[in-house]
PDB file of N, CA and C in Angstrom:
ATOM      1  N   MET A   1      49.971 -93.836 105.621  1.00  0.00           N
ATOM      2  CA  MET A   1      50.206 -92.943 104.672  1.00  0.00           C
ATOM      3  C   MET A   1      50.057 -91.407 105.318  1.00  0.00           C
ATOM      4  N   THR A   2      50.827 -90.479 104.974  1.00  0.00           N
ATOM      5  CA  THR A   2      50.995 -89.240 105.417  1.00  0.00           C
ATOM      6  C   THR A   2      50.610 -88.176 104.334  1.00  0.00           C
ATOM      7  N   GLN A   3      49.745 -87.272 104.862  1.00  0.00           N
ATOM      8  CA  GLN A   3      49.525 -86.332 103.870  1.00  0.00           C
ATOM      9  C   GLN A   3      49.729 -84.858 104.049  1.00  0.00           C
ATOM     10  N   VAL A   4      50.464 -83.911 103.413  1.00  0.00           N
ATOM     11  CA  VAL A   4      50.867 -82.853 103.673  1.00  0.00           C
ATOM     12  C   VAL A   4      50.598 -81.696 102.698  1.00  0.00           C
ATOM     13  N   GLN A   5      50.348 -80.549 102.831  1.00  0.00           N
ATOM     14  CA  GLN A   5      50.095 -79.475 102.073  1.00  0.00           C
ATOM     15  C   GLN A   5      50.980 -78.225 102.267  1.00  0.00           C
ATOM     16  N   LEU A   6      51.834 -78.188 101.156  1.00  0.00           N
ATOM     17  CA  LEU A   6      52.943 -77.076 101.371  1.00  0.00           C
ATOM     18  C   LEU A   6      52.687 -75.821 100.503  1.00  0.00           C
ATOM     19  N   GLN A   7      53.160 -74.890 100.887  1.00  0.00           N
ATOM     20  CA  GLN A   7      53.002 -73.510 100.066  1.00  0.00           C
ATOM     21  C   GLN A   7      54.272 -73.438  99.158  1.00  0.00           C
ATOM     22  N   VAL A   8      53.969 -73.252  97.761  1.00  0.00           N
ATOM     23  CA  VAL A   8      54.827 -72.870  96.808  1.00  0.00           C
ATOM     24  C   VAL A   8      54.346 -71.590  95.920  1.00  0.00           C
ATOM     25  N   PRO A   9      54.917 -70.772  96.595  1.00  0.00           N
ATOM     26  CA  PRO A   9      54.375 -69.288  96.108  1.00  0.00           C
ATOM     27  C   PRO A   9      54.739 -69.073  94.583  1.00  0.00           C
ATOM     28  N   GLU A  10      55.887 -69.576  94.171  1.00  0.00           N
ATOM     29  CA  GLU A  10      56.233 -69.213  92.830  1.00  0.00           C
ATOM     30  C   GLU A  10      55.610 -69.965  91.796  1.00  0.00           C
ATOM     31  N   VAL A  11      54.608 -71.012  92.062  1.00  0.00           N
ATOM     32  CA  VAL A  11      54.003 -71.680  91.170  1.00  0.00           C
ATOM     33  C   VAL A  11      52.890 -70.737  90.652  1.00  0.00           C
ATOM     34  N   HIS A  12      52.983 -70.606  89.187  1.00  0.00           N
ATOM     35  CA  HIS A  12      51.969 -69.751  88.533  1.00  0.00           C
ATOM     36  C   HIS A  12      51.632 -70.186  87.194  1.00  0.00           C
ATOM     37  N   CYS A  13      52.007 -71.519  86.845  1.00  0.00           N
ATOM     38  CA  CYS A  13      51.711 -71.824  85.344  1.00  0.00           C
ATOM     39  C   CYS A  13      51.531 -73.313  85.214  1.00  0.00           C
ATOM     40  N   GLY A  14      51.150 -73.939  84.080  1.00  0.00           N
ATOM     41  CA  GLY A  14      51.098 -75.106  83.878  1.00  0.00           C
ATOM     42  C   GLY A  14      52.247 -76.001  83.890  1.00  0.00           C
ATOM     43  N   HIS A  15      53.325 -75.101  83.485  1.00  0.00           N
ATOM     44  CA  HIS A  15      54.763 -75.839  83.313  1.00  0.00           C
ATOM     45  C   HIS A  15      55.309 -75.977  84.616  1.00  0.00           C
ATOM     46  N   CYS A  16      55.070 -75.079  85.491  1.00  0.00           N
ATOM     47  CA  CYS A  16      55.401 -75.291  87.087  1.00  0.00           C
ATOM     48  C   CYS A  16      54.644 -76.525  87.490  1.00  0.00           C
ATOM     49  N   LYS A  17      53.356 -76.503  87.248  1.00  0.00           N
ATOM     50  CA  LYS A  17      52.647 -77.637  87.968  1.00  0.00           C
ATOM     51  C   LYS A  17      53.150 -79.164  87.351  1.00  0.00           C
ATOM     52  N   SER A  18      53.524 -79.106  86.228  1.00  0.00           N
ATOM     53  CA  SER A  18      53.997 -80.457  85.526  1.00  0.00           C
ATOM     54  C   SER A  18      55.426 -80.650  85.905  1.00  0.00           C
ATOM     55  N   SER A  19      56.390 -79.788  86.195  1.00  0.00           N
ATOM     56  CA  SER A  19      57.590 -79.947  86.478  1.00  0.00           C
ATOM     57  C   SER A  19      57.466 -80.520  88.089  1.00  0.00           C
ATOM     58  N   LEU A  20      56.727 -79.884  88.851  1.00  0.00           N
ATOM     59  CA  LEU A  20      56.695 -80.432  90.407  1.00  0.00           C
ATOM     60  C   LEU A  20      56.079 -81.718  90.407  1.00  0.00           C
ATOM     61  N   GLU A  21      55.009 -81.858  89.766  1.00  0.00           N
ATOM     62  CA  GLU A  21      54.137 -83.161  89.912  1.00  0.00           C
ATOM     63  C   GLU A  21      55.228 -84.273  89.389  1.00  0.00           C
ATOM     64  N   GLY A  22      55.861 -84.036  88.480  1.00  0.00           N
ATOM     65  CA  GLY A  22      56.837 -84.970  87.685  1.00  0.00           C
ATOM     66  C   GLY A  22      58.022 -85.237  88.868  1.00  0.00           C
ATOM     67  N   ALA A  23      58.545 -84.288  89.170  1.00  0.00           N
ATOM     68  CA  ALA A  23      59.695 -84.720  90.096  1.00  0.00           C
ATOM     69  C   ALA A  23      59.467 -85.424  91.492  1.00  0.00           C
ATOM     70  N   VAL A  24      58.291 -84.718  92.116  1.00  0.00           N
ATOM     71  CA  VAL A  24      58.105 -85.175  93.311  1.00  0.00           C
ATOM     72  C   VAL A  24      57.179 -86.578  93.151  1.00  0.00           C
ATOM     73  N   GLY A  25      56.547 -86.849  92.201  1.00  0.00           N
ATOM     74  CA  GLY A  25      55.726 -87.982  91.964  1.00  0.00           C
ATOM     75  C   GLY A  25      56.655 -89.163  91.640  1.00  0.00           C
ATOM     76  N   SER A  26      57.852 -88.864  91.074  1.00  0.00           N
ATOM     77  CA  SER A  26      58.857 -89.742  90.629  1.00  0.00           C
ATOM     78  C   SER A  26      59.510 -90.520  91.896  1.00  0.00           C
ATOM     79  N   MET A  27      59.377 -89.915  93.004  1.00  0.00           N
ATOM     80  CA  MET A  27      60.125 -90.194  94.474  1.00  0.00           C
ATOM     81  C   MET A  27      59.533 -91.377  95.008  1.00  0.00           C
ATOM     82  N   GLY A  28      60.372 -92.415  95.322  1.00  0.00           N
ATOM     83  CA  GLY A  28      59.808 -93.549  95.943  1.00  0.00           C
ATOM     84  C   GLY A  28      59.328 -93.277  97.114  1.00  0.00           C
ATOM     85  N   GLY A  29      58.230 -93.928  97.454  1.00  0.00           N
ATOM     86  CA  GLY A  29      57.468 -93.692  98.584  1.00  0.00           C
ATOM     87  C   GLY A  29      56.405 -92.640  98.587  1.00  0.00           C
ATOM     88  N   VAL A  30      56.379 -91.804  97.504  1.00  0.00           N
ATOM     89  CA  VAL A  30      55.256 -90.692  97.100  1.00  0.00           C
ATOM     90  C   VAL A  30      54.330 -91.462  96.446  1.00  0.00           C
ATOM     91  N   SER A  31      53.073 -91.381  96.970  1.00  0.00           N
ATOM     92  CA  SER A  31      51.919 -92.064  96.238  1.00  0.00           C
ATOM     93  C   SER A  31      51.169 -91.289  95.470  1.00  0.00           C
ATOM     94  N   THR A  32      50.825 -89.773  96.049  1.00  0.00           N
ATOM     95  CA  THR A  32      50.076 -88.862  94.887  1.00  0.00           C
ATOM     96  C   THR A  32      50.626 -87.611  95.317  1.00  0.00           C
ATOM     97  N   VAL A  33      50.655 -86.764  94.101  1.00  0.00           N
ATOM     98  CA  VAL A  33      51.090 -85.267  94.136  1.00  0.00           C
ATOM     99  C   VAL A  33      50.056 -84.433  93.432  1.00  0.00           C
ATOM    100  N   GLU A  34      49.618 -83.519  94.051  1.00  0.00           N
ATOM    101  CA  GLU A  34      48.790 -82.703  93.254  1.00  0.00           C
ATOM    102  C   GLU A  34      49.220 -81.149  93.474  1.00  0.00           C
ATOM    103  N   VAL A  35      49.347 -80.477  92.348  1.00  0.00           N
ATOM    104  CA  VAL A  35      49.884 -78.978  92.540  1.00  0.00           C
ATOM    105  C   VAL A  35      48.689 -78.073  92.224  1.00  0.00           C
ATOM    106  N   SER A  36      48.238 -77.063  92.842  1.00  0.00           N
ATOM    107  CA  SER A  36      47.265 -76.153  92.717  1.00  0.00           C
ATOM    108  C   SER A  36      47.922 -74.771  92.252  1.00  0.00           C
ATOM    109  N   VAL A  37      47.787 -74.502  91.076  1.00  0.00           N
ATOM    110  CA  VAL A  37      48.379 -73.304  90.638  1.00  0.00           C
ATOM    111  C   VAL A  37      47.643 -71.886  91.051  1.00  0.00           C
ATOM    112  N   SER A  38      46.308 -72.024  91.320  1.00  0.00           N
ATOM    113  CA  SER A  38      45.432 -71.041  91.828  1.00  0.00           C
ATOM    114  C   SER A  38      45.833 -70.696  93.279  1.00  0.00           C
ATOM    115  N   ASP A  39      45.959 -71.870  93.992  1.00  0.00           N
ATOM    116  CA  ASP A  39      46.314 -71.687  95.589  1.00  0.00           C
ATOM    117  C   ASP A  39      47.802 -71.639  95.899  1.00  0.00           C
ATOM    118  N   ALA A  40      48.746 -71.872  94.819  1.00  0.00           N
ATOM    119  CA  ALA A  40      50.050 -71.970  95.110  1.00  0.00           C
ATOM    120  C   ALA A  40      50.474 -73.256  96.068  1.00  0.00           C
ATOM    121  N   THR A  41      49.900 -74.225  95.928  1.00  0.00           N
ATOM    122  CA  THR A  41      50.172 -75.257  96.829  1.00  0.00           C
ATOM    123  C   THR A  41      50.473 -76.507  96.483  1.00  0.00           C
ATOM    124  N   ILE A  42      51.049 -77.255  96.891  1.00  0.00           N
ATOM    125  CA  ILE A  42      51.251 -78.884  96.655  1.00  0.00           C
ATOM    126  C   ILE A  42      50.962 -79.863  97.663  1.00  0.00           C
ATOM    127  N   ASP A  43      49.883 -80.603  97.248  1.00  0.00           N
ATOM    128  CA  ASP A  43      49.589 -81.707  98.218  1.00  0.00           C
ATOM    129  C   ASP A  43      50.332 -82.891  98.111  1.00  0.00           C
ATOM    130  N   VAL A  44      50.758 -83.871  98.845  1.00  0.00           N
ATOM    131  CA  VAL A  44      51.576 -84.759  98.722  1.00  0.00           C
ATOM    132  C   VAL A  44      51.141 -85.779  99.838  1.00  0.00           C
ATOM    133  N   ALA A  45      51.015 -87.075  99.112  1.00  0.00           N
ATOM    134  CA  ALA A  45      50.592 -88.336 100.130  1.00  0.00           C
ATOM    135  C   ALA A  45      51.751 -89.325 100.079  1.00  0.00           C
ATOM    136  N   TYR A  46      52.413 -89.580 101.260  1.00  0.00           N
ATOM    137  CA  TYR A  46      53.609 -90.326 101.203  1.00  0.00           C
ATOM    138  C   TYR A  46      53.906 -91.172 102.400  1.00  0.00           C
ATOM    139  N   ASP A  47      54.669 -92.205 102.144  1.00  0.00           N
ATOM    140  CA  ASP A  47      54.957 -93.278 103.275  1.00  0.00           C
ATOM    141  C   ASP A  47      56.047 -92.812 103.943  1.00  0.00           C
ATOM    142  N   GLU A  48      56.031 -92.307 105.244  1.00  0.00           N
ATOM    143  CA  GLU A  48      57.203 -91.819 106.223  1.00  0.00           C
ATOM    144  C   GLU A  48      58.251 -92.892 106.246  1.00  0.00           C
ATOM    145  N   GLY A  49      57.818 -94.163 106.036  1.00  0.00           N
ATOM    146  CA  GLY A  49      58.822 -95.229 106.122  1.00  0.00           C
ATOM    147  C   GLY A  49      59.782 -95.432 104.895  1.00  0.00           C
ATOM    148  N   ALA A  50      59.302 -94.655 103.835  1.00  0.00           N
ATOM    149  CA  ALA A  50      60.324 -94.833 102.517  1.00  0.00           C
ATOM    150  C   ALA A  50      60.889 -93.578 102.244  1.00  0.00           C
ATOM    151  N   VAL A  51      60.103 -92.373 102.481  1.00  0.00           N
ATOM    152  CA  VAL A  51      60.771 -90.982 102.307  1.00  0.00           C
ATOM    153  C   VAL A  51      60.424 -90.112 103.212  1.00  0.00           C
ATOM    154  N   GLU A  52      61.346 -89.135 103.538  1.00  0.00           N
ATOM    155  CA  GLU A  52      61.318 -88.049 104.418  1.00  0.00           C
ATOM    156  C   GLU A  52      60.658 -86.790 103.853  1.00  0.00           C
ATOM    157  N   LEU A  53      60.064 -85.966 104.736  1.00  0.00           N
ATOM    158  CA  LEU A  53      59.439 -84.740 104.156  1.00  0.00           C
ATOM    159  C   LEU A  53      60.652 -83.648 103.800  1.00  0.00           C
ATOM    160  N   ASP A  54      61.666 -83.865 104.578  1.00  0.00           N
ATOM    161  CA  ASP A  54      62.654 -83.031 104.150  1.00  0.00           C
ATOM    162  C   ASP A  54      63.370 -83.277 102.912  1.00  0.00           C
ATOM    163  N   SER A  55      63.222 -84.501 102.262  1.00  0.00           N
ATOM    164  CA  SER A  55      63.652 -84.906 101.027  1.00  0.00           C
ATOM    165  C   SER A  55      62.779 -84.453  99.881  1.00  0.00           C
ATOM    166  N   ILE A  56      61.435 -84.443 100.252  1.00  0.00           N
ATOM    167  CA  ILE A  56      60.367 -83.773  99.341  1.00  0.00           C
ATOM    168  C   ILE A  56      60.612 -82.352  99.166  1.00  0.00           C
ATOM    169  N   LYS A  57      60.639 -81.779 100.322  1.00  0.00           N
ATOM    170  CA  LYS A  57      61.058 -80.180 100.231  1.00  0.00           C
ATOM    171  C   LYS A  57      62.497 -79.916  99.307  1.00  0.00           C
ATOM    172  N   ALA A  58      63.386 -80.723  99.605  1.00  0.00           N
ATOM    173  CA  ALA A  58      64.729 -80.709  98.804  1.00  0.00           C
ATOM    174  C   ALA A  58      64.398 -80.825  97.450  1.00  0.00           C
ATOM    175  N   THR A  59      63.547 -81.939  97.091  1.00  0.00           N
ATOM    176  CA  THR A  59      63.302 -82.080  95.648  1.00  0.00           C
ATOM    177  C   THR A  59      62.689 -80.713  94.902  1.00  0.00           C
ATOM    178  N   ILE A  60      61.673 -80.267  95.848  1.00  0.00           N
ATOM    179  CA  ILE A  60      60.980 -79.040  95.153  1.00  0.00           C
ATOM    180  C   ILE A  60      61.963 -77.834  94.990  1.00  0.00           C
ATOM    181  N   GLU A  61      62.634 -77.788  95.923  1.00  0.00           N
ATOM    182  CA  GLU A  61      63.811 -76.626  95.969  1.00  0.00           C
ATOM    183  C   GLU A  61      64.737 -76.739  94.587  1.00  0.00           C
ATOM    184  N   GLU A  62      65.118 -78.228  94.495  1.00  0.00           N
ATOM    185  CA  GLU A  62      65.974 -78.621  93.470  1.00  0.00           C
ATOM    186  C   GLU A  62      65.285 -78.069  92.030  1.00  0.00           C
ATOM    187  N   GLN A  63      64.059 -78.057  91.828  1.00  0.00           N
ATOM    188  CA  GLN A  63      63.360 -77.767  90.637  1.00  0.00           C
ATOM    189  C   GLN A  63      63.255 -76.051  90.558  1.00  0.00           C
ATOM    190  N   GLY A  64      63.663 -75.397  91.631  1.00  0.00           N
ATOM    191  CA  GLY A  64      63.867 -73.989  91.544  1.00  0.00           C
ATOM    192  C   GLY A  64      62.795 -73.239  92.241  1.00  0.00           C
ATOM    193  N   TYR A  65      61.989 -73.949  93.180  1.00  0.00           N
ATOM    194  CA  TYR A  65      60.938 -73.336  93.876  1.00  0.00           C
ATOM    195  C   TYR A  65      61.145 -73.200  95.345  1.00  0.00           C
ATOM    196  N   ALA A  66      60.740 -72.057  95.959  1.00  0.00           N
ATOM    197  CA  ALA A  66      60.738 -71.926  97.504  1.00  0.00           C
ATOM    198  C   ALA A  66      59.578 -72.850  98.059  1.00  0.00           C
ATOM    199  N   VAL A  67      59.791 -73.393  99.196  1.00  0.00           N
ATOM    200  CA  VAL A  67      58.729 -74.281  99.819  1.00  0.00           C
ATOM    201  C   VAL A  67      58.677 -73.827 101.197  1.00  0.00           C
ATOM    202  N   PHE A  68      57.270 -73.723 101.631  1.00  0.00           N
ATOM    203  CA  PHE A  68      57.123 -73.410 103.154  1.00  0.00           C
ATOM    204  C   PHE A  68      55.970 -74.323 103.635  1.00  0.00           C
ATOM    205  N   GLY A  69      56.135 -74.832 104.692  1.00  0.00           N
ATOM    206  CA  GLY A  69      55.331 -75.484 105.484  1.00  0.00           C
ATOM    207  C   GLY A  69      55.770 -76.715 105.991  1.00  0.00           C
TER     208      GLY A  69
END
């Protein structure tokens, strides 16, 4: 299992948190997702054999957020 923390500077409310956790959490190979509104970060634990980091980032961007890290 790989753990990564990404910066998502546009996260600022509960709706942002819910939207991102739902979208990323529904991806195959992702085991846990936690968005911190106060830190503007998203922590993701995932199986590198099942999903690529670029796919996770693309899913975040599809939700309308810039992602760094």
